[in-house]
Amino acid sequence: MKKNLVVVFLLFLAIPVVNAQVPQDIYRKPLKDVIQEIEKRHDIKIRYSESLVKGVEVLYPSWRYRIDTEETLVNILMPLDIIFEKTGDKQYQISKYVYYQRPPEEGKKHLAQLLSLYKDLPSWESRKSELRKCFLAQMNLTPLPRKTPLNPIYTPKRKMEGYTVENVAIETIPGVYLCGSLYRPSKGKGPFPAILCTHGHADNSDLNQYGRYRPDHQYRCATLARMGAVVFSYEMFAWGESQLQVSKEVHRTGLALTMQTVNSMRVIDFLESLPYVDPKRIGVTGESGGGTQTFLLAALDDRVTVSVPVVMVSSFFYGGCPCESGLPIHSCSGAGTNNAEIAAMASPRPMLVISDGDDWTRHVPEIEFPYLKKVYELYGKDGNVENFHLATEGHDYGSSKRMAMYGFMARHLGLNLNAVKNKSGKIDESKATIENFEALLVFGKEGKLPSSAVKGPDAVMAVLKSLQ
């Protein structure tokens, strides 16, 4: 009998206890189901991509619900590294958290906080000085590297209609070459104003149309040259011919932010060294990542007299590439900073901010531009900052954006806008010659570098440190 009881007891132990679930299993639900529940509870609509929610589960969702809609969203989404943005009445968009982007409303609040720090001109000038010092320190540029000979390498000059082009490499630090193309007016001896043309990350690699080789970039440079400017078009670090010295992966590192800043400053040195350039009239313009280079250079170097950052000035987006946000420049000071404040550091010098309706610059007319006006008002120069907003356009440096830039540069640099107008009085870019990317190379298809060239990020950093 006892033996039978033992057998029965062992069989009882072998039977799975179906209902003995632990709380983390009972209160676990797929994120998609939780979103649907939130929509019902709060009478809202939440937009998201299927890839964002696929296979994602929420632990204890029912315990995280709150009376307030946005408090509920924070409790549910934050542990999952997902953020939300209110896009309309009872409408929200959710997306994966990225360190370089915040909700637009947070950007607006940040600008209000920053404005409270400088209610007069002396406090703003002090703020600018503080930020400059911190930016350079965060980019490992304290002190700035000692300036060394640029040793420019020129390719033969090509004659176009109203301008010439020659490719140039300058040695921004010993053994590190920055390649670009120098556009010059074909008539006149100068001194001409000079414009730095940076580029963003847009590309069509199949056609070798990327960076400074893109047709829209060439239209910009050629037209400015035909208007009477000396233009230097140059590439981002670890893009184009820079990849002869460092791999393309290095572009997505903080070193790219450091070297792009050094390179831009050295481009100004190069342009100032040309006898036909007026050093008191220096402009800079670029889009996207080139827009970041534009406002950062204007913030750090007072030699820039006019700037036109395109589709990049935002209080809540910091640049999706480490070449823009890979070093903690935005953490400078207790209050931190953002790209709108960095752009404001160009004040009181003329600046045109070009924005569009389909990226992080969509709120510029109501958030960033009013802030910029208030900073410029500290100098009594609020007329020096302008915004050209294209609500129906997207993230590019398209024709309509270039037209606005041409007019602004002409007014503030003394360029001849009539030189590029057709009989009907409209700006005509058709006389620009769009060259194949191979024609714009300094070191040719073989990529034969000077024997002094250094290779690899460690070698580049070592040269930088040796100059400090």
Protein backbone atom coordinates (compact mmCIF):
# COMPACT_ATOMS: atom_id res chain seq x y z
CA MET A 1 0.00 0.00 0.00
CA LYS A 2 2.80 2.39 0.93
CA LYS A 3 4.55 1.52 -2.29
CA ASN A 4 1.43 2.45 -4.29
CA LEU A 5 1.14 5.76 -2.44
CA VAL A 6 4.73 6.63 -3.33
CA VAL A 7 4.07 5.89 -7.00
CA VAL A 8 0.94 8.06 -6.99
CA PHE A 9 2.84 10.91 -5.29
CA LEU A 10 5.63 10.75 -7.88
CA LEU A 11 3.07 10.80 -10.71
CA PHE A 12 1.44 13.86 -9.12
CA LEU A 13 4.79 15.66 -9.11
CA ALA A 14 5.25 14.86 -12.79
CA ILE A 15 1.98 16.56 -13.79
CA PRO A 16 2.70 20.18 -14.99
CA VAL A 17 1.03 22.81 -12.86
CA VAL A 18 -0.56 24.80 -15.69
CA ASN A 19 -1.87 27.63 -13.58
CA ALA A 20 1.38 28.29 -11.66
CA GLN A 21 2.43 31.20 -13.91
CA VAL A 22 4.64 33.94 -12.56
CA PRO A 23 3.46 37.59 -12.89
CA GLN A 24 5.98 38.50 -15.59
CA ASP A 25 4.36 35.86 -17.80
CA ILE A 26 0.79 36.80 -16.96
CA TYR A 27 1.36 40.51 -17.57
CA ARG A 28 3.38 40.21 -20.77
CA LYS A 29 1.78 41.36 -24.07
CA PRO A 30 2.94 42.08 -27.63
CA LEU A 31 3.62 45.79 -28.16
CA LYS A 32 1.22 45.88 -31.10
CA ASP A 33 -1.65 44.71 -28.86
CA VAL A 34 -0.69 47.24 -26.20
CA ILE A 35 -0.71 50.06 -28.77
CA GLN A 36 -4.22 49.09 -29.84
CA GLU A 37 -5.32 49.13 -26.20
CA ILE A 38 -3.82 52.61 -25.69
CA GLU A 39 -5.58 53.90 -28.80
CA LYS A 40 -8.93 52.70 -27.41
CA ARG A 41 -8.35 53.99 -23.89
CA HIS A 42 -7.24 57.46 -24.95
CA ASP A 43 -9.11 57.83 -28.24
CA ILE A 44 -5.95 58.51 -30.23
CA LYS A 45 -4.22 57.17 -33.34
CA ILE A 46 -0.61 55.97 -33.19
CA ARG A 47 1.44 55.58 -36.37
CA TYR A 48 4.41 53.21 -36.50
CA SER A 49 6.31 50.89 -38.81
CA GLU A 50 5.67 47.15 -38.56
CA SER A 51 9.41 46.52 -38.17
CA LEU A 52 9.41 48.66 -35.02
CA VAL A 53 6.87 46.48 -33.17
CA LYS A 54 7.60 43.05 -34.63
CA GLY A 55 8.57 40.58 -31.89
CA VAL A 56 8.57 43.29 -29.20
CA GLU A 57 6.74 42.59 -25.93
CA VAL A 58 5.76 44.85 -23.03
CA LEU A 59 6.14 43.69 -19.44
CA TYR A 60 3.32 44.68 -17.02
CA PRO A 61 1.56 46.97 -19.53
CA SER A 62 -1.73 47.17 -17.63
CA TRP A 63 0.12 48.48 -14.58
CA ARG A 64 1.78 51.19 -16.66
CA TYR A 65 -1.43 52.79 -17.98
CA ARG A 66 -2.17 56.28 -16.65
CA ILE A 67 -5.04 58.76 -16.97
CA ASP A 68 -2.82 61.15 -18.94
CA THR A 69 -2.15 60.04 -22.53
CA GLU A 70 1.46 61.11 -22.77
CA GLU A 71 2.32 59.79 -19.32
CA THR A 72 1.02 56.41 -20.49
CA LEU A 73 3.16 56.61 -23.64
CA VAL A 74 6.26 57.45 -21.60
CA ASN A 75 5.67 54.53 -19.20
CA ILE A 76 5.09 52.02 -21.98
CA LEU A 77 7.65 53.17 -24.58
CA MET A 78 10.63 54.51 -22.68
CA PRO A 79 11.80 51.10 -21.31
CA LEU A 80 11.75 49.89 -24.92
CA ASP A 81 13.91 52.79 -26.18
CA ILE A 82 10.99 54.04 -28.27
CA ILE A 83 9.98 57.70 -28.43
CA PHE A 84 6.79 59.46 -29.51
CA GLU A 85 5.93 62.72 -31.22
CA LYS A 86 2.53 64.39 -31.38
CA THR A 87 1.81 65.00 -35.06
CA GLY A 88 -1.73 66.35 -34.87
CA ASP A 89 -4.93 66.41 -32.85
CA LYS A 90 -5.09 62.99 -31.15
CA GLN A 91 -2.36 61.71 -33.46
CA TYR A 92 1.08 60.38 -32.52
CA GLN A 93 4.07 58.92 -34.33
CA ILE A 94 6.41 56.51 -32.55
CA SER A 95 9.95 55.60 -33.57
CA LYS A 96 13.14 54.06 -32.25
CA TYR A 97 15.08 56.25 -29.84
CA VAL A 98 18.22 57.84 -31.25
CA TYR A 99 20.50 60.01 -29.15
CA TYR A 100 20.64 62.78 -31.75
CA GLN A 101 16.91 63.56 -31.96
CA ARG A 102 14.25 64.80 -29.54
CA PRO A 103 10.58 65.81 -29.86
CA PRO A 104 10.13 69.27 -31.45
CA GLU A 105 8.36 70.58 -28.34
CA GLU A 106 11.44 69.77 -26.28
CA GLY A 107 13.57 71.73 -28.72
CA LYS A 108 11.25 74.71 -28.33
CA LYS A 109 11.49 74.54 -24.55
CA HIS A 110 15.26 74.27 -24.75
CA LEU A 111 15.48 77.46 -26.81
CA ALA A 112 13.33 79.29 -24.26
CA GLN A 113 15.63 78.10 -21.51
CA LEU A 114 18.70 79.23 -23.44
CA LEU A 115 17.23 82.67 -24.11
CA SER A 116 16.80 83.14 -20.37
CA LEU A 117 20.59 82.83 -20.00
CA TYR A 118 21.38 85.88 -22.10
CA LYS A 119 18.99 88.77 -21.78
CA ASP A 120 21.54 91.32 -22.95
CA LEU A 121 24.44 91.51 -25.39
CA PRO A 122 27.32 91.09 -22.89
CA SER A 123 25.81 87.86 -21.52
CA TRP A 124 25.32 86.52 -25.06
CA GLU A 125 28.91 87.36 -26.03
CA SER A 126 30.07 85.60 -22.87
CA ARG A 127 27.93 82.59 -23.80
CA LYS A 128 29.44 82.47 -27.29
CA SER A 129 32.95 82.56 -25.87
CA GLU A 130 32.12 79.77 -23.41
CA LEU A 131 30.66 77.57 -26.15
CA ARG A 132 33.57 78.13 -28.53
CA LYS A 133 36.08 77.05 -25.92
CA CYS A 134 34.03 73.99 -25.06
CA PHE A 135 33.46 72.96 -28.71
CA LEU A 136 37.19 73.05 -29.42
CA ALA A 137 37.97 71.12 -26.24
CA GLN A 138 35.40 68.42 -27.04
CA MET A 139 36.84 68.08 -30.56
CA ASN A 140 40.37 67.65 -29.14
CA LEU A 141 41.40 70.95 -30.70
CA THR A 142 42.64 72.71 -27.57
CA PRO A 143 44.95 74.25 -28.42
CA LEU A 144 44.28 74.56 -32.13
CA PRO A 145 46.95 72.74 -34.15
CA ARG A 146 49.84 74.90 -35.34
CA LYS A 147 49.35 76.03 -38.93
CA THR A 148 51.73 74.44 -41.40
CA PRO A 149 52.33 75.09 -45.14
CA LEU A 150 49.33 74.12 -47.27
CA ASN A 151 51.51 73.04 -50.23
CA PRO A 152 48.63 73.17 -52.76
CA ILE A 153 48.69 70.71 -55.65
CA TYR A 154 46.88 71.95 -58.78
CA THR A 155 45.62 70.07 -61.82
CA PRO A 156 45.43 71.82 -65.22
CA LYS A 157 42.82 74.56 -65.49
CA ARG A 158 39.65 73.86 -67.50
CA LYS A 159 37.91 76.77 -69.22
CA MET A 160 34.11 76.89 -69.09
CA GLU A 161 31.57 79.54 -70.05
CA GLY A 162 32.17 82.43 -67.67
CA TYR A 163 34.40 80.52 -65.24
CA THR A 164 37.34 78.15 -64.90
CA VAL A 165 37.86 75.02 -62.80
CA GLU A 166 41.03 73.44 -61.45
CA ASN A 167 41.23 70.66 -58.92
CA VAL A 168 43.32 71.35 -55.85
CA ALA A 169 44.62 69.35 -52.89
CA ILE A 170 45.80 71.23 -49.82
CA GLU A 171 47.82 69.71 -46.99
CA THR A 172 45.67 70.80 -44.06
CA ILE A 173 48.02 69.09 -41.62
CA PRO A 174 51.29 67.42 -42.66
CA GLY A 175 50.59 64.33 -44.73
CA VAL A 176 46.79 64.78 -44.77
CA TYR A 177 45.28 66.08 -48.00
CA LEU A 178 41.94 67.76 -48.53
CA CYS A 179 40.80 67.53 -52.14
CA GLY A 180 38.44 69.86 -53.93
CA SER A 181 37.83 72.00 -56.99
CA LEU A 182 38.54 75.71 -57.30
CA TYR A 183 36.03 77.64 -59.40
CA ARG A 184 37.04 81.14 -60.56
CA PRO A 185 35.40 83.88 -62.64
CA SER A 186 36.97 83.87 -66.10
CA LYS A 187 37.04 87.67 -66.28
CA GLY A 188 38.47 90.25 -63.91
CA LYS A 189 41.47 90.33 -61.62
CA GLY A 190 39.63 90.74 -58.33
CA PRO A 191 39.81 90.93 -55.48
CA PHE A 192 36.81 88.60 -55.57
CA PRO A 193 34.72 87.40 -52.64
CA ALA A 194 35.23 83.72 -51.82
CA ILE A 195 32.69 81.05 -50.92
CA LEU A 196 33.30 77.66 -49.30
CA CYS A 197 30.91 75.00 -50.65
CA THR A 198 30.44 72.01 -48.36
CA HIS A 199 28.29 68.96 -49.15
CA GLY A 200 26.01 66.52 -47.36
CA HIS A 201 25.57 62.75 -47.41
CA ALA A 202 23.25 62.43 -50.44
CA ASP A 203 24.62 60.13 -53.09
CA ASN A 204 23.96 58.05 -56.14
CA SER A 205 26.91 55.69 -55.96
CA ASP A 206 25.90 53.78 -59.10
CA LEU A 207 26.52 56.91 -61.15
CA ASN A 208 29.46 58.12 -59.03
CA GLN A 209 27.32 61.16 -58.22
CA TYR A 210 27.94 61.71 -54.55
CA GLY A 211 29.24 64.50 -52.36
CA ARG A 212 30.89 67.26 -54.32
CA TYR A 213 30.57 65.32 -57.59
CA ARG A 214 26.77 65.64 -57.66
CA PRO A 215 25.26 67.76 -60.46
CA ASP A 216 23.38 69.99 -57.98
CA HIS A 217 26.66 70.73 -56.20
CA GLN A 218 28.40 71.59 -59.47
CA TYR A 219 25.52 73.86 -60.53
CA ARG A 220 25.90 75.74 -57.26
CA CYS A 221 29.65 76.24 -57.56
CA ALA A 222 29.66 77.15 -61.24
CA THR A 223 26.82 79.65 -60.95
CA LEU A 224 28.44 81.41 -57.97
CA ALA A 225 31.68 81.64 -59.97
CA ARG A 226 29.81 83.13 -62.92
CA MET A 227 28.37 85.69 -60.47
CA GLY A 228 31.90 86.76 -59.55
CA ALA A 229 32.96 84.58 -56.62
CA VAL A 230 35.98 82.35 -56.11
CA VAL A 231 34.47 79.08 -54.94
CA PHE A 232 36.17 76.13 -53.30
CA SER A 233 34.21 72.88 -53.34
CA TYR A 234 35.70 70.33 -50.97
CA GLU A 235 34.84 66.94 -49.56
CA MET A 236 33.95 65.57 -46.17
CA PHE A 237 36.54 63.57 -44.26
CA ALA A 238 36.65 59.90 -45.37
CA TRP A 239 34.60 60.72 -48.49
CA GLY A 240 35.84 60.90 -52.08
CA GLU A 241 39.61 61.05 -52.41
CA SER A 242 39.98 61.26 -48.65
CA GLN A 243 39.35 57.50 -48.70
CA LEU A 244 42.82 57.10 -50.18
CA GLN A 245 44.06 57.84 -46.65
CA VAL A 246 41.31 56.57 -44.34
CA SER A 247 38.54 54.05 -44.90
CA LYS A 248 34.93 55.18 -45.38
CA GLU A 249 34.03 53.72 -41.96
CA VAL A 250 36.14 56.44 -40.32
CA HIS A 251 33.61 59.01 -41.52
CA ARG A 252 31.21 57.69 -38.89
CA THR A 253 33.54 58.56 -36.01
CA GLY A 254 34.27 61.63 -33.93
CA LEU A 255 37.55 62.08 -35.80
CA ALA A 256 35.53 63.11 -38.85
CA LEU A 257 33.93 65.95 -36.88
CA THR A 258 37.36 67.10 -35.72
CA MET A 259 39.02 66.91 -39.12
CA GLN A 260 36.13 68.52 -40.99
CA THR A 261 36.40 71.49 -38.64
CA VAL A 262 40.17 71.71 -39.12
CA ASN A 263 39.78 71.34 -42.88
CA SER A 264 37.19 74.12 -43.16
CA MET A 265 39.39 76.52 -41.21
CA ARG A 266 42.34 75.66 -43.41
CA VAL A 267 40.25 76.24 -46.54
CA ILE A 268 39.78 79.81 -45.36
CA ASP A 269 43.57 80.02 -44.91
CA PHE A 270 44.00 78.77 -48.47
CA LEU A 271 41.48 81.20 -49.94
CA GLU A 272 43.02 84.11 -48.04
CA SER A 273 46.42 83.20 -49.50
CA LEU A 274 45.16 83.74 -53.06
CA PRO A 275 46.06 87.26 -54.26
CA TYR A 276 42.77 87.62 -56.12
CA VAL A 277 40.55 86.90 -53.07
CA ASP A 278 39.13 89.59 -50.76
CA PRO A 279 39.66 88.20 -47.22
CA LYS A 280 36.94 90.50 -45.87
CA ARG A 281 34.24 88.81 -47.96
CA ILE A 282 34.11 85.10 -47.13
CA GLY A 283 30.90 83.07 -47.43
CA VAL A 284 30.04 79.46 -46.70
CA THR A 285 27.07 77.30 -47.63
CA GLY A 286 26.14 73.63 -47.57
CA GLU A 287 23.22 71.29 -47.09
CA SER A 288 22.44 68.57 -44.53
CA GLY A 289 25.80 67.43 -43.11
CA GLY A 290 27.29 70.28 -45.11
CA GLY A 291 24.85 72.56 -43.33
CA THR A 292 26.32 71.40 -40.01
CA GLN A 293 29.80 72.23 -41.30
CA THR A 294 28.47 75.62 -42.42
CA PHE A 295 27.06 76.81 -39.11
CA LEU A 296 29.82 75.22 -37.04
CA LEU A 297 32.50 77.00 -39.06
CA ALA A 298 30.63 80.31 -38.80
CA ALA A 299 30.33 79.78 -35.04
CA LEU A 300 34.04 79.12 -34.57
CA ASP A 301 35.69 81.37 -37.16
CA ASP A 302 34.91 85.09 -37.36
CA ARG A 303 36.49 85.27 -40.80
CA VAL A 304 33.19 83.94 -42.19
CA THR A 305 31.18 87.04 -43.11
CA VAL A 306 28.09 85.39 -44.66
CA SER A 307 26.60 81.93 -44.09
CA VAL A 308 23.74 79.95 -45.64
CA PRO A 309 23.09 76.66 -43.81
CA VAL A 310 20.56 74.57 -45.74
CA VAL A 311 18.04 72.02 -44.34
CA MET A 312 19.95 71.51 -41.09
CA VAL A 313 19.22 74.21 -38.48
CA SER A 314 17.06 72.52 -35.85
CA SER A 315 16.63 72.77 -32.08
CA PHE A 316 15.73 69.08 -31.69
CA PHE A 317 17.87 67.26 -34.29
CA TYR A 318 21.63 67.15 -33.82
CA GLY A 319 22.79 65.36 -36.96
CA GLY A 320 22.41 61.66 -37.59
CA CYS A 321 26.07 61.09 -38.50
CA PRO A 322 28.89 60.90 -35.93
CA CYS A 323 30.69 63.42 -38.16
CA GLU A 324 28.11 65.89 -36.75
CA SER A 325 27.18 64.57 -33.31
CA GLY A 326 29.82 61.93 -32.57
CA LEU A 327 31.58 64.13 -30.02
CA PRO A 328 29.74 65.75 -27.08
CA ILE A 329 29.76 69.35 -28.33
CA HIS A 330 26.00 69.54 -27.68
CA SER A 331 26.62 68.76 -24.00
CA CYS A 332 28.67 71.92 -23.55
CA SER A 333 27.67 73.96 -20.48
CA GLY A 334 25.16 72.98 -17.82
CA ALA A 335 22.23 73.85 -20.07
CA GLY A 336 23.62 72.06 -23.11
CA THR A 337 23.21 73.50 -26.58
CA ASN A 338 21.60 72.62 -29.91
CA ASN A 339 22.12 73.36 -33.58
CA ALA A 340 19.90 76.43 -33.54
CA GLU A 341 22.04 78.04 -30.85
CA ILE A 342 25.22 77.05 -32.69
CA ALA A 343 23.82 78.71 -35.82
CA ALA A 344 22.99 81.81 -33.74
CA MET A 345 26.69 82.17 -32.94
CA ALA A 346 27.12 83.62 -36.44
CA SER A 347 25.34 86.74 -35.18
CA PRO A 348 25.41 89.59 -36.07
CA ARG A 349 26.86 88.50 -39.44
CA PRO A 350 24.33 87.91 -42.26
CA MET A 351 22.83 84.42 -42.29
CA LEU A 352 20.09 82.84 -44.41
CA VAL A 353 18.52 79.68 -42.97
CA ILE A 354 16.87 77.54 -45.65
CA SER A 355 14.34 74.98 -44.41
CA ASP A 356 11.70 72.60 -45.78
CA GLY A 357 8.53 70.85 -44.73
CA ASP A 358 9.68 67.24 -44.84
CA ASP A 359 12.53 66.91 -42.36
CA TRP A 360 13.72 68.22 -38.99
CA THR A 361 13.65 71.81 -40.29
CA ARG A 362 9.88 71.76 -40.79
CA HIS A 363 9.30 73.90 -37.68
CA VAL A 364 11.92 76.58 -38.41
CA PRO A 365 9.38 79.37 -39.15
CA GLU A 366 7.64 78.99 -35.77
CA ILE A 367 10.41 77.63 -33.49
CA GLU A 368 14.00 78.24 -34.61
CA PHE A 369 13.66 81.42 -36.67
CA PRO A 370 11.90 83.49 -33.95
CA TYR A 371 14.69 82.43 -31.59
CA LEU A 372 17.37 83.50 -34.08
CA LYS A 373 15.65 86.87 -34.54
CA LYS A 374 15.76 87.47 -30.78
CA VAL A 375 19.49 86.76 -30.65
CA TYR A 376 20.18 89.07 -33.58
CA GLU A 377 18.03 91.74 -31.91
CA LEU A 378 20.61 91.89 -29.11
CA TYR A 379 22.86 93.59 -31.69
CA GLY A 380 20.05 95.59 -33.25
CA LYS A 381 20.68 93.52 -36.40
CA ASP A 382 17.58 91.32 -36.67
CA GLY A 383 17.41 92.20 -40.37
CA ASN A 384 20.65 90.28 -40.91
CA VAL A 385 19.02 86.89 -40.35
CA GLU A 386 16.46 85.50 -42.80
CA ASN A 387 14.53 82.29 -43.29
CA PHE A 388 13.48 80.86 -46.64
CA HIS A 389 11.01 78.06 -45.98
CA LEU A 390 9.72 75.62 -48.60
CA ALA A 391 6.83 73.82 -46.92
CA THR A 392 6.16 71.45 -49.83
CA GLU A 393 9.77 70.48 -50.48
CA GLY A 394 12.14 67.93 -48.96
CA HIS A 395 15.70 67.41 -47.78
CA ASP A 396 18.03 68.58 -50.55
CA TYR A 397 19.82 71.56 -52.09
CA GLY A 398 17.45 71.75 -55.02
CA SER A 399 17.01 74.52 -57.55
CA SER A 400 14.55 76.64 -55.54
CA LYS A 401 16.87 76.56 -52.53
CA ARG A 402 19.84 77.55 -54.67
CA MET A 403 17.89 80.47 -56.13
CA ALA A 404 17.29 81.89 -52.65
CA MET A 405 20.97 81.42 -51.75
CA TYR A 406 22.19 83.18 -54.91
CA GLY A 407 20.19 86.30 -54.12
CA PHE A 408 21.36 86.40 -50.51
CA MET A 409 25.02 85.91 -51.39
CA ALA A 410 24.76 88.56 -54.10
CA ARG A 411 23.37 91.13 -51.67
CA HIS A 412 25.87 90.52 -48.90
CA LEU A 413 29.03 89.71 -50.88
CA GLY A 414 28.57 92.16 -53.74
CA LEU A 415 28.09 89.54 -56.47
CA ASN A 416 26.59 90.23 -59.89
CA LEU A 417 23.25 88.42 -60.02
CA ASN A 418 22.50 89.84 -63.48
CA ALA A 419 25.45 87.88 -64.87
CA VAL A 420 23.47 84.64 -64.50
CA LYS A 421 20.03 85.86 -65.54
CA ASN A 422 18.43 85.04 -68.89
CA LYS A 423 16.46 87.40 -71.11
CA SER A 424 13.32 86.93 -69.03
CA GLY A 425 15.19 88.00 -65.88
CA LYS A 426 15.35 84.54 -64.27
CA ILE A 427 18.51 82.93 -62.95
CA ASP A 428 19.75 80.43 -65.53
CA GLU A 429 22.06 77.62 -64.39
CA SER A 430 22.17 75.90 -67.78
CA LYS A 431 25.53 77.42 -68.72
CA ALA A 432 27.22 75.42 -65.98
CA THR A 433 29.16 72.43 -67.28
CA ILE A 434 28.43 69.25 -65.33
CA GLU A 435 31.57 67.14 -65.36
CA ASN A 436 32.06 63.43 -64.76
CA PHE A 437 33.44 62.71 -61.30
CA GLU A 438 36.79 61.59 -62.77
CA ALA A 439 37.37 65.09 -64.13
CA LEU A 440 37.11 66.48 -60.57
CA LEU A 441 39.77 64.23 -59.05
CA VAL A 442 43.12 65.60 -57.94
CA PHE A 443 45.02 62.32 -57.79
CA GLY A 444 43.29 60.66 -60.75
CA LYS A 445 41.69 57.25 -61.13
CA GLU A 446 44.85 55.56 -59.89
CA GLY A 447 44.77 57.59 -56.69
CA LYS A 448 48.52 58.09 -56.51
CA LEU A 449 49.22 60.07 -53.34
CA PRO A 450 52.40 62.00 -52.50
CA SER A 451 54.96 59.89 -50.65
CA SER A 452 54.46 62.05 -47.54
CA ALA A 453 50.81 61.02 -47.17
CA VAL A 454 49.87 59.36 -43.87
CA LYS A 455 47.28 56.59 -43.73
CA GLY A 456 44.82 55.46 -41.08
CA PRO A 457 42.96 57.33 -38.32
CA ASP A 458 45.64 56.70 -35.70
CA ALA A 459 48.29 58.28 -37.91
CA VAL A 460 46.06 61.29 -38.60
CA MET A 461 45.39 61.78 -34.89
CA ALA A 462 49.09 61.49 -34.13
CA VAL A 463 49.88 64.29 -36.58
CA LEU A 464 47.19 66.47 -35.02
CA LYS A 465 48.61 65.96 -31.53
CA SER A 466 52.13 66.72 -32.73
CA LEU A 467 50.93 70.17 -33.83
CA GLN A 468 49.44 71.04 -30.43
